Amino acid sequence: MALEIVESCVNCWACEPLCPNQAIYEAKPHFMVDANKCTECAGDFADAQCAAICPVEGAIVNERHEALNPPGSLTGISPARWAAVQAEIAAR
């Protein structure tokens, strides 16, 4: 049981101080999670604290590589709408 921080992490430092197990550490090019320390906050909190504070959608994933903050979860913009807007902008 361990979460992973992927390359979309922007090193904002929001998650590191919230981790109750000190499982998050600074690495290059982004923060990492020590799988031996990460408990996904089970027993401490209802939700993983790193994902609850993370401002980047898709930056923290579970063991199945499913984003805990999937695209649209923080902005309210659905992935289909975002793709349509990006296509419209690209066509200009």
PDB file of N, CA and C in Angstrom:
ATOM      1  N   MET A   1       0.835  -1.166   0.000  1.00  0.00           N
ATOM      2  CA  MET A   1       0.000   0.000   0.000  1.00  0.00           C
ATOM      3  C   MET A   1       0.886   1.236   0.000  1.00  0.00           C
ATOM      4  N   ALA A   2       0.946   1.923  -1.120  1.00  0.00           N
ATOM      5  CA  ALA A   2       1.742   3.147  -1.191  1.00  0.00           C
ATOM      6  C   ALA A   2       1.290   3.979  -2.377  1.00  0.00           C
ATOM      7  N   LEU A   3       1.337   5.261  -2.184  1.00  0.00           N
ATOM      8  CA  LEU A   3       1.011   6.186  -3.258  1.00  0.00           C
ATOM      9  C   LEU A   3       2.295   6.531  -4.001  1.00  0.00           C
ATOM     10  N   GLU A   4       2.128   7.166  -5.159  1.00  0.00           N
ATOM     11  CA  GLU A   4       3.280   7.578  -5.949  1.00  0.00           C
ATOM     12  C   GLU A   4       3.034   8.994  -6.455  1.00  0.00           C
ATOM     13  N   ILE A   5       4.069   9.785  -6.442  1.00  0.00           N
ATOM     14  CA  ILE A   5       4.013  11.131  -7.013  1.00  0.00           C
ATOM     15  C   ILE A   5       4.684  11.036  -8.367  1.00  0.00           C
ATOM     16  N   VAL A   6       3.976  11.472  -9.409  1.00  0.00           N
ATOM     17  CA  VAL A   6       4.487  11.336 -10.778  1.00  0.00           C
ATOM     18  C   VAL A   6       5.059  12.647 -11.296  1.00  0.00           C
ATOM     19  N   GLU A   7       5.577  12.600 -12.520  1.00  0.00           N
ATOM     20  CA  GLU A   7       6.330  13.719 -13.077  1.00  0.00           C
ATOM     21  C   GLU A   7       5.551  15.019 -13.247  1.00  0.00           C
ATOM     22  N   SER A   8       4.243  15.003 -13.153  1.00  0.00           N
ATOM     23  CA  SER A   8       3.495  16.266 -13.249  1.00  0.00           C
ATOM     24  C   SER A   8       3.600  17.099 -11.970  1.00  0.00           C
ATOM     25  N   CYS A   9       4.203  16.544 -10.923  1.00  0.00           N
ATOM     26  CA  CYS A   9       4.454  17.278  -9.678  1.00  0.00           C
ATOM     27  C   CYS A   9       5.285  18.515  -9.980  1.00  0.00           C
ATOM     28  N   VAL A  10       4.912  19.646  -9.373  1.00  0.00           N
ATOM     29  CA  VAL A  10       5.620  20.905  -9.595  1.00  0.00           C
ATOM     30  C   VAL A  10       6.480  21.321  -8.402  1.00  0.00           C
ATOM     31  N   ASN A  11       6.692  20.410  -7.472  1.00  0.00           N
ATOM     32  CA  ASN A  11       7.515  20.685  -6.283  1.00  0.00           C
ATOM     33  C   ASN A  11       7.038  21.907  -5.511  1.00  0.00           C
ATOM     34  N   CYS A  12       5.753  21.977  -5.246  1.00  0.00           N
ATOM     35  CA  CYS A  12       5.200  23.139  -4.551  1.00  0.00           C
ATOM     36  C   CYS A  12       5.360  23.057  -3.032  1.00  0.00           C
ATOM     37  N   TRP A  13       5.745  21.901  -2.522  1.00  0.00           N
ATOM     38  CA  TRP A  13       5.967  21.672  -1.091  1.00  0.00           C
ATOM     39  C   TRP A  13       4.670  21.592  -0.271  1.00  0.00           C
ATOM     40  N   ALA A  14       3.514  21.537  -0.889  1.00  0.00           N
ATOM     41  CA  ALA A  14       2.256  21.472  -0.127  1.00  0.00           C
ATOM     42  C   ALA A  14       2.113  20.146   0.611  1.00  0.00           C
ATOM     43  N   CYS A  15       2.506  19.060  -0.014  1.00  0.00           N
ATOM     44  CA  CYS A  15       2.261  17.736   0.548  1.00  0.00           C
ATOM     45  C   CYS A  15       3.264  17.309   1.613  1.00  0.00           C
ATOM     46  N   GLU A  16       4.505  17.658   1.445  1.00  0.00           N
ATOM     47  CA  GLU A  16       5.569  17.139   2.303  1.00  0.00           C
ATOM     48  C   GLU A  16       5.327  17.356   3.799  1.00  0.00           C
ATOM     49  N   PRO A  17       4.970  18.559   4.248  1.00  0.00           N
ATOM     50  CA  PRO A  17       4.775  18.737   5.691  1.00  0.00           C
ATOM     51  C   PRO A  17       3.508  18.078   6.236  1.00  0.00           C
ATOM     52  N   LEU A  18       2.563  17.716   5.377  1.00  0.00           N
ATOM     53  CA  LEU A  18       1.310  17.105   5.845  1.00  0.00           C
ATOM     54  C   LEU A  18       1.397  15.596   6.043  1.00  0.00           C
ATOM     55  N   CYS A  19       2.399  14.962   5.482  1.00  0.00           N
ATOM     56  CA  CYS A  19       2.482  13.500   5.556  1.00  0.00           C
ATOM     57  C   CYS A  19       2.731  13.052   6.994  1.00  0.00           C
ATOM     58  N   PRO A  20       1.800  12.287   7.580  1.00  0.00           N
ATOM     59  CA  PRO A  20       1.959  11.875   8.972  1.00  0.00           C
ATOM     60  C   PRO A  20       3.073  10.850   9.181  1.00  0.00           C
ATOM     61  N   ASN A  21       3.564  10.255   8.092  1.00  0.00           N
ATOM     62  CA  ASN A  21       4.605   9.227   8.196  1.00  0.00           C
ATOM     63  C   ASN A  21       5.955   9.680   7.656  1.00  0.00           C
ATOM     64  N   GLN A  22       6.064  10.952   7.293  1.00  0.00           N
ATOM     65  CA  GLN A  22       7.284  11.480   6.692  1.00  0.00           C
ATOM     66  C   GLN A  22       7.749  10.611   5.520  1.00  0.00           C
ATOM     67  N   ALA A  23       6.776  10.180   4.701  1.00  0.00           N
ATOM     68  CA  ALA A  23       7.067   9.321   3.559  1.00  0.00           C
ATOM     69  C   ALA A  23       7.413  10.103   2.301  1.00  0.00           C
ATOM     70  N   ILE A  24       7.150  11.399   2.295  1.00  0.00           N
ATOM     71  CA  ILE A  24       7.388  12.219   1.107  1.00  0.00           C
ATOM     72  C   ILE A  24       8.724  12.934   1.263  1.00  0.00           C
ATOM     73  N   TYR A  25       9.521  12.857   0.213  1.00  0.00           N
ATOM     74  CA  TYR A  25      10.831  13.500   0.258  1.00  0.00           C
ATOM     75  C   TYR A  25      11.148  14.170  -1.068  1.00  0.00           C
ATOM     76  N   GLU A  26      12.011  15.176  -1.011  1.00  0.00           N
ATOM     77  CA  GLU A  26      12.392  15.911  -2.203  1.00  0.00           C
ATOM     78  C   GLU A  26      13.414  15.094  -2.988  1.00  0.00           C
ATOM     79  N   ALA A  27      13.170  14.998  -4.272  1.00  0.00           N
ATOM     80  CA  ALA A  27      14.078  14.293  -5.175  1.00  0.00           C
ATOM     81  C   ALA A  27      14.081  15.044  -6.496  1.00  0.00           C
ATOM     82  N   LYS A  28      14.906  14.632  -7.396  1.00  0.00           N
ATOM     83  CA  LYS A  28      14.933  15.246  -8.729  1.00  0.00           C
ATOM     84  C   LYS A  28      14.184  14.358  -9.678  1.00  0.00           C
ATOM     85  N   PRO A  29      13.355  14.833 -10.545  1.00  0.00           N
ATOM     86  CA  PRO A  29      12.964  16.229 -10.725  1.00  0.00           C
ATOM     87  C   PRO A  29      11.717  16.603  -9.936  1.00  0.00           C
ATOM     88  N   HIS A  30      11.159  15.684  -9.144  1.00  0.00           N
ATOM     89  CA  HIS A  30       9.954  15.990  -8.372  1.00  0.00           C
ATOM     90  C   HIS A  30       9.979  15.217  -7.068  1.00  0.00           C
ATOM     91  N   PHE A  31       9.018  15.497  -6.199  1.00  0.00           N
ATOM     92  CA  PHE A  31       8.928  14.788  -4.928  1.00  0.00           C
ATOM     93  C   PHE A  31       8.649  13.307  -5.166  1.00  0.00           C
ATOM     94  N   MET A  32       9.007  12.505  -4.200  1.00  0.00           N
ATOM     95  CA  MET A  32       8.819  11.059  -4.273  1.00  0.00           C
ATOM     96  C   MET A  32       8.168  10.589  -2.971  1.00  0.00           C
ATOM     97  N   VAL A  33       7.646   9.354  -3.001  1.00  0.00           N
ATOM     98  CA  VAL A  33       7.050   8.741  -1.819  1.00  0.00           C
ATOM     99  C   VAL A  33       7.841   7.491  -1.477  1.00  0.00           C
ATOM    100  N   ASP A  34       8.262   7.375  -0.231  1.00  0.00           N
ATOM    101  CA  ASP A  34       8.938   6.179   0.252  1.00  0.00           C
ATOM    102  C   ASP A  34       7.863   5.124   0.497  1.00  0.00           C
ATOM    103  N   ALA A  35       7.839   4.109  -0.354  1.00  0.00           N
ATOM    104  CA  ALA A  35       6.797   3.073  -0.274  1.00  0.00           C
ATOM    105  C   ALA A  35       6.839   2.312   1.049  1.00  0.00           C
ATOM    106  N   ASN A  36       7.978   2.259   1.698  1.00  0.00           N
ATOM    107  CA  ASN A  36       8.092   1.562   2.977  1.00  0.00           C
ATOM    108  C   ASN A  36       7.456   2.341   4.123  1.00  0.00           C
ATOM    109  N   LYS A  37       7.272   3.644   3.946  1.00  0.00           N
ATOM    110  CA  LYS A  37       6.680   4.481   4.995  1.00  0.00           C
ATOM    111  C   LYS A  37       5.230   4.852   4.723  1.00  0.00           C
ATOM    112  N   CYS A  38       4.815   4.883   3.447  1.00  0.00           N
ATOM    113  CA  CYS A  38       3.479   5.350   3.086  1.00  0.00           C
ATOM    114  C   CYS A  38       2.400   4.347   3.480  1.00  0.00           C
ATOM    115  N   THR A  39       1.405   4.830   4.196  1.00  0.00           N
ATOM    116  CA  THR A  39       0.251   4.002   4.578  1.00  0.00           C
ATOM    117  C   THR A  39      -1.029   4.508   3.921  1.00  0.00           C
ATOM    118  N   GLU A  40      -0.884   5.492   3.014  1.00  0.00           N
ATOM    119  CA  GLU A  40      -2.020   6.172   2.389  1.00  0.00           C
ATOM    120  C   GLU A  40      -2.904   6.814   3.453  1.00  0.00           C
ATOM    121  N   CYS A  41      -2.313   7.116   4.592  1.00  0.00           N
ATOM    122  CA  CYS A  41      -2.966   7.753   5.740  1.00  0.00           C
ATOM    123  C   CYS A  41      -4.045   6.882   6.386  1.00  0.00           C
ATOM    124  N   ALA A  42      -4.073   5.598   6.042  1.00  0.00           N
ATOM    125  CA  ALA A  42      -5.050   4.681   6.637  1.00  0.00           C
ATOM    126  C   ALA A  42      -4.874   4.655   8.152  1.00  0.00           C
ATOM    127  N   GLY A  43      -5.964   4.811   8.855  1.00  0.00           N
ATOM    128  CA  GLY A  43      -5.935   4.818  10.305  1.00  0.00           C
ATOM    129  C   GLY A  43      -5.705   6.193  10.903  1.00  0.00           C
ATOM    130  N   ASP A  44      -5.171   7.110  10.097  1.00  0.00           N
ATOM    131  CA  ASP A  44      -4.923   8.467  10.584  1.00  0.00           C
ATOM    132  C   ASP A  44      -5.952   9.464  10.060  1.00  0.00           C
ATOM    133  N   PHE A  45      -6.280   9.335   8.766  1.00  0.00           N
ATOM    134  CA  PHE A  45      -7.194  10.276   8.108  1.00  0.00           C
ATOM    135  C   PHE A  45      -8.093   9.512   7.140  1.00  0.00           C
ATOM    136  N   ALA A  46      -9.234  10.098   6.804  1.00  0.00           N
ATOM    137  CA  ALA A  46     -10.158   9.475   5.858  1.00  0.00           C
ATOM    138  C   ALA A  46      -9.589   9.477   4.443  1.00  0.00           C
ATOM    139  N   ASP A  47      -8.807  10.513   4.106  1.00  0.00           N
ATOM    140  CA  ASP A  47      -8.217  10.647   2.778  1.00  0.00           C
ATOM    141  C   ASP A  47      -6.720  10.833   2.907  1.00  0.00           C
ATOM    142  N   ALA A  48      -6.012  10.444   1.868  1.00  0.00           N
ATOM    143  CA  ALA A  48      -4.565  10.678   1.840  1.00  0.00           C
ATOM    144  C   ALA A  48      -4.323  12.183   1.884  1.00  0.00           C
ATOM    145  N   GLN A  49      -3.554  12.629   2.852  1.00  0.00           N
ATOM    146  CA  GLN A  49      -3.340  14.055   3.059  1.00  0.00           C
ATOM    147  C   GLN A  49      -2.592  14.707   1.901  1.00  0.00           C
ATOM    148  N   CYS A  50      -1.667  13.994   1.300  1.00  0.00           N
ATOM    149  CA  CYS A  50      -0.926  14.564   0.173  1.00  0.00           C
ATOM    150  C   CYS A  50      -1.858  14.866  -0.992  1.00  0.00           C
ATOM    151  N   ALA A  51      -2.763  13.956  -1.285  1.00  0.00           N
ATOM    152  CA  ALA A  51      -3.701  14.166  -2.391  1.00  0.00           C
ATOM    153  C   ALA A  51      -4.733  15.234  -2.038  1.00  0.00           C
ATOM    154  N   ALA A  52      -5.111  15.311  -0.777  1.00  0.00           N
ATOM    155  CA  ALA A  52      -6.103  16.300  -0.359  1.00  0.00           C
ATOM    156  C   ALA A  52      -5.588  17.724  -0.537  1.00  0.00           C
ATOM    157  N   ILE A  53      -4.281  17.930  -0.416  1.00  0.00           N
ATOM    158  CA  ILE A  53      -3.718  19.282  -0.517  1.00  0.00           C
ATOM    159  C   ILE A  53      -3.114  19.555  -1.893  1.00  0.00           C
ATOM    160  N   CYS A  54      -2.838  18.540  -2.669  1.00  0.00           N
ATOM    161  CA  CYS A  54      -2.131  18.706  -3.945  1.00  0.00           C
ATOM    162  C   CYS A  54      -2.913  19.583  -4.924  1.00  0.00           C
ATOM    163  N   PRO A  55      -2.279  20.647  -5.449  1.00  0.00           N
ATOM    164  CA  PRO A  55      -2.956  21.529  -6.391  1.00  0.00           C
ATOM    165  C   PRO A  55      -2.826  21.098  -7.854  1.00  0.00           C
ATOM    166  N   VAL A  56      -2.187  19.951  -8.098  1.00  0.00           N
ATOM    167  CA  VAL A  56      -1.956  19.497  -9.472  1.00  0.00           C
ATOM    168  C   VAL A  56      -2.756  18.218  -9.730  1.00  0.00           C
ATOM    169  N   GLU A  57      -3.695  18.311 -10.645  1.00  0.00           N
ATOM    170  CA  GLU A  57      -4.510  17.135 -10.971  1.00  0.00           C
ATOM    171  C   GLU A  57      -3.640  16.047 -11.579  1.00  0.00           C
ATOM    172  N   GLY A  58      -3.803  14.836 -11.083  1.00  0.00           N
ATOM    173  CA  GLY A  58      -3.085  13.687 -11.625  1.00  0.00           C
ATOM    174  C   GLY A  58      -1.672  13.507 -11.120  1.00  0.00           C
ATOM    175  N   ALA A  59      -1.203  14.321 -10.195  1.00  0.00           N
ATOM    176  CA  ALA A  59       0.184  14.234  -9.731  1.00  0.00           C
ATOM    177  C   ALA A  59       0.414  13.115  -8.729  1.00  0.00           C
ATOM    178  N   ILE A  60      -0.638  12.657  -8.063  1.00  0.00           N
ATOM    179  CA  ILE A  60      -0.495  11.588  -7.070  1.00  0.00           C
ATOM    180  C   ILE A  60      -1.414  10.444  -7.480  1.00  0.00           C
ATOM    181  N   VAL A  61      -0.816   9.256  -7.593  1.00  0.00           N
ATOM    182  CA  VAL A  61      -1.568   8.087  -8.053  1.00  0.00           C
ATOM    183  C   VAL A  61      -1.471   6.955  -7.031  1.00  0.00           C
ATOM    184  N   ASN A  62      -2.441   6.049  -7.108  1.00  0.00           N
ATOM    185  CA  ASN A  62      -2.421   4.882  -6.226  1.00  0.00           C
ATOM    186  C   ASN A  62      -1.632   3.752  -6.881  1.00  0.00           C
ATOM    187  N   GLU A  63      -1.650   2.583  -6.273  1.00  0.00           N
ATOM    188  CA  GLU A  63      -0.862   1.453  -6.782  1.00  0.00           C
ATOM    189  C   GLU A  63      -1.332   0.957  -8.143  1.00  0.00           C
ATOM    190  N   ARG A  64      -2.540   1.316  -8.560  1.00  0.00           N
ATOM    191  CA  ARG A  64      -3.054   0.963  -9.898  1.00  0.00           C
ATOM    192  C   ARG A  64      -2.836   2.095 -10.902  1.00  0.00           C
ATOM    193  N   HIS A  65      -2.061   3.100 -10.484  1.00  0.00           N
ATOM    194  CA  HIS A  65      -1.762   4.301 -11.275  1.00  0.00           C
ATOM    195  C   HIS A  65      -3.020   5.102 -11.619  1.00  0.00           C
ATOM    196  N   GLU A  66      -4.004   5.065 -10.728  1.00  0.00           N
ATOM    197  CA  GLU A  66      -5.215   5.881 -10.855  1.00  0.00           C
ATOM    198  C   GLU A  66      -4.977   7.179 -10.088  1.00  0.00           C
ATOM    199  N   ALA A  67      -5.220   8.293 -10.751  1.00  0.00           N
ATOM    200  CA  ALA A  67      -5.009   9.598 -10.122  1.00  0.00           C
ATOM    201  C   ALA A  67      -5.987   9.809  -8.974  1.00  0.00           C
ATOM    202  N   LEU A  68      -5.470  10.254  -7.837  1.00  0.00           N
ATOM    203  CA  LEU A  68      -6.342  10.561  -6.706  1.00  0.00           C
ATOM    204  C   LEU A  68      -7.069  11.877  -6.927  1.00  0.00           C
ATOM    205  N   ASN A  69      -6.474  12.768  -7.704  1.00  0.00           N
ATOM    206  CA  ASN A  69      -7.123  14.007  -8.148  1.00  0.00           C
ATOM    207  C   ASN A  69      -7.162  13.945  -9.669  1.00  0.00           C
ATOM    208  N   PRO A  70      -8.125  13.226 -10.236  1.00  0.00           N
ATOM    209  CA  PRO A  70      -8.144  13.079 -11.701  1.00  0.00           C
ATOM    210  C   PRO A  70      -8.447  14.397 -12.405  1.00  0.00           C
ATOM    211  N   PRO A  71      -8.133  14.481 -13.695  1.00  0.00           N
ATOM    212  CA  PRO A  71      -8.413  15.707 -14.440  1.00  0.00           C
ATOM    213  C   PRO A  71      -9.866  16.155 -14.267  1.00  0.00           C
ATOM    214  N   GLY A  72     -10.034  17.422 -13.954  1.00  0.00           N
ATOM    215  CA  GLY A  72     -11.359  17.990 -13.740  1.00  0.00           C
ATOM    216  C   GLY A  72     -11.802  18.005 -12.293  1.00  0.00           C
ATOM    217  N   SER A  73     -11.154  17.228 -11.437  1.00  0.00           N
ATOM    218  CA  SER A  73     -11.597  17.141 -10.043  1.00  0.00           C
ATOM    219  C   SER A  73     -11.347  18.430  -9.266  1.00  0.00           C
ATOM    220  N   LEU A  74     -10.323  19.158  -9.625  1.00  0.00           N
ATOM    221  CA  LEU A  74     -10.019  20.402  -8.917  1.00  0.00           C
ATOM    222  C   LEU A  74     -10.570  21.629  -9.623  1.00  0.00           C
ATOM    223  N   THR A  75     -10.635  21.580 -10.930  1.00  0.00           N
ATOM    224  CA  THR A  75     -11.102  22.729 -11.705  1.00  0.00           C
ATOM    225  C   THR A  75     -12.592  22.688 -11.992  1.00  0.00           C
ATOM    226  N   GLY A  76     -13.185  21.499 -11.968  1.00  0.00           N
ATOM    227  CA  GLY A  76     -14.589  21.360 -12.314  1.00  0.00           C
ATOM    228  C   GLY A  76     -14.811  21.265 -13.813  1.00  0.00           C
ATOM    229  N   ILE A  77     -13.728  21.266 -14.576  1.00  0.00           N
ATOM    230  CA  ILE A  77     -13.825  21.155 -16.037  1.00  0.00           C
ATOM    231  C   ILE A  77     -13.654  19.680 -16.402  1.00  0.00           C
ATOM    232  N   SER A  78     -14.615  19.129 -17.093  1.00  0.00           N
ATOM    233  CA  SER A  78     -14.520  17.718 -17.458  1.00  0.00           C
ATOM    234  C   SER A  78     -13.409  17.518 -18.485  1.00  0.00           C
ATOM    235  N   PRO A  79     -12.779  16.341 -18.492  1.00  0.00           N
ATOM    236  CA  PRO A  79     -11.720  16.077 -19.471  1.00  0.00           C
ATOM    237  C   PRO A  79     -12.191  16.265 -20.916  1.00  0.00           C
ATOM    238  N   ALA A  80     -13.428  15.900 -21.222  1.00  0.00           N
ATOM    239  CA  ALA A  80     -13.947  16.061 -22.583  1.00  0.00           C
ATOM    240  C   ALA A  80     -14.055  17.544 -22.939  1.00  0.00           C
ATOM    241  N   ARG A  81     -14.542  18.355 -22.021  1.00  0.00           N
ATOM    242  CA  ARG A  81     -14.657  19.799 -22.266  1.00  0.00           C
ATOM    243  C   ARG A  81     -13.284  20.431 -22.431  1.00  0.00           C
ATOM    244  N   TRP A  82     -12.329  20.043 -21.593  1.00  0.00           N
ATOM    245  CA  TRP A  82     -10.975  20.567 -21.673  1.00  0.00           C
ATOM    246  C   TRP A  82     -10.343  20.227 -23.024  1.00  0.00           C
ATOM    247  N   ALA A  83     -10.526  18.994 -23.489  1.00  0.00           N
ATOM    248  CA  ALA A  83      -9.993  18.584 -24.795  1.00  0.00           C
ATOM    249  C   ALA A  83     -10.622  19.397 -25.911  1.00  0.00           C
ATOM    250  N   ALA A  84     -11.924  19.650 -25.817  1.00  0.00           N
ATOM    251  CA  ALA A  84     -12.615  20.443 -26.852  1.00  0.00           C
ATOM    252  C   ALA A  84     -12.080  21.874 -26.883  1.00  0.00           C
ATOM    253  N   VAL A  85     -11.849  22.455 -25.733  1.00  0.00           N
ATOM    254  CA  VAL A  85     -11.333  23.822 -25.664  1.00  0.00           C
ATOM    255  C   VAL A  85      -9.901  23.866 -26.210  1.00  0.00           C
ATOM    256  N   GLN A  86      -9.096  22.895 -25.855  1.00  0.00           N
ATOM    257  CA  GLN A  86      -7.730  22.853 -26.379  1.00  0.00           C
ATOM    258  C   GLN A  86      -7.731  22.719 -27.893  1.00  0.00           C
ATOM    259  N   ALA A  87      -8.613  21.903 -28.432  1.00  0.00           N
ATOM    260  CA  ALA A  87      -8.721  21.739 -29.895  1.00  0.00           C
ATOM    261  C   ALA A  87      -9.162  23.033 -30.544  1.00  0.00           C
ATOM    262  N   GLU A  88     -10.104  23.725 -29.918  1.00  0.00           N
ATOM    263  CA  GLU A  88     -10.590  24.999 -30.464  1.00  0.00           C
ATOM    264  C   GLU A  88      -9.466  26.044 -30.485  1.00  0.00           C
ATOM    265  N   ILE A  89      -8.692  26.097 -29.419  1.00  0.00           N
ATOM    266  CA  ILE A  89      -7.580  27.046 -29.349  1.00  0.00           C
ATOM    267  C   ILE A  89      -6.521  26.707 -30.393  1.00  0.00           C
ATOM    268  N   ALA A  90      -6.215  25.439 -30.541  1.00  0.00           N
ATOM    269  CA  ALA A  90      -5.210  25.001 -31.513  1.00  0.00           C
ATOM    270  C   ALA A  90      -5.634  25.314 -32.952  1.00  0.00           C
ATOM    271  N   ALA A  91      -6.946  25.320 -33.192  1.00  0.00           N
ATOM    272  CA  ALA A  91      -7.454  25.571 -34.551  1.00  0.00           C
ATOM    273  C   ALA A  91      -7.419  27.048 -34.938  1.00  0.00           C
ATOM    274  N   ARG A  92      -7.180  27.925 -33.998  1.00  0.00           N
ATOM    275  CA  ARG A  92      -7.172  29.377 -34.282  1.00  0.00           C
ATOM    276  C   ARG A  92      -5.959  29.804 -35.039  1.00  0.00           C
TER     277      ARG A  92
END
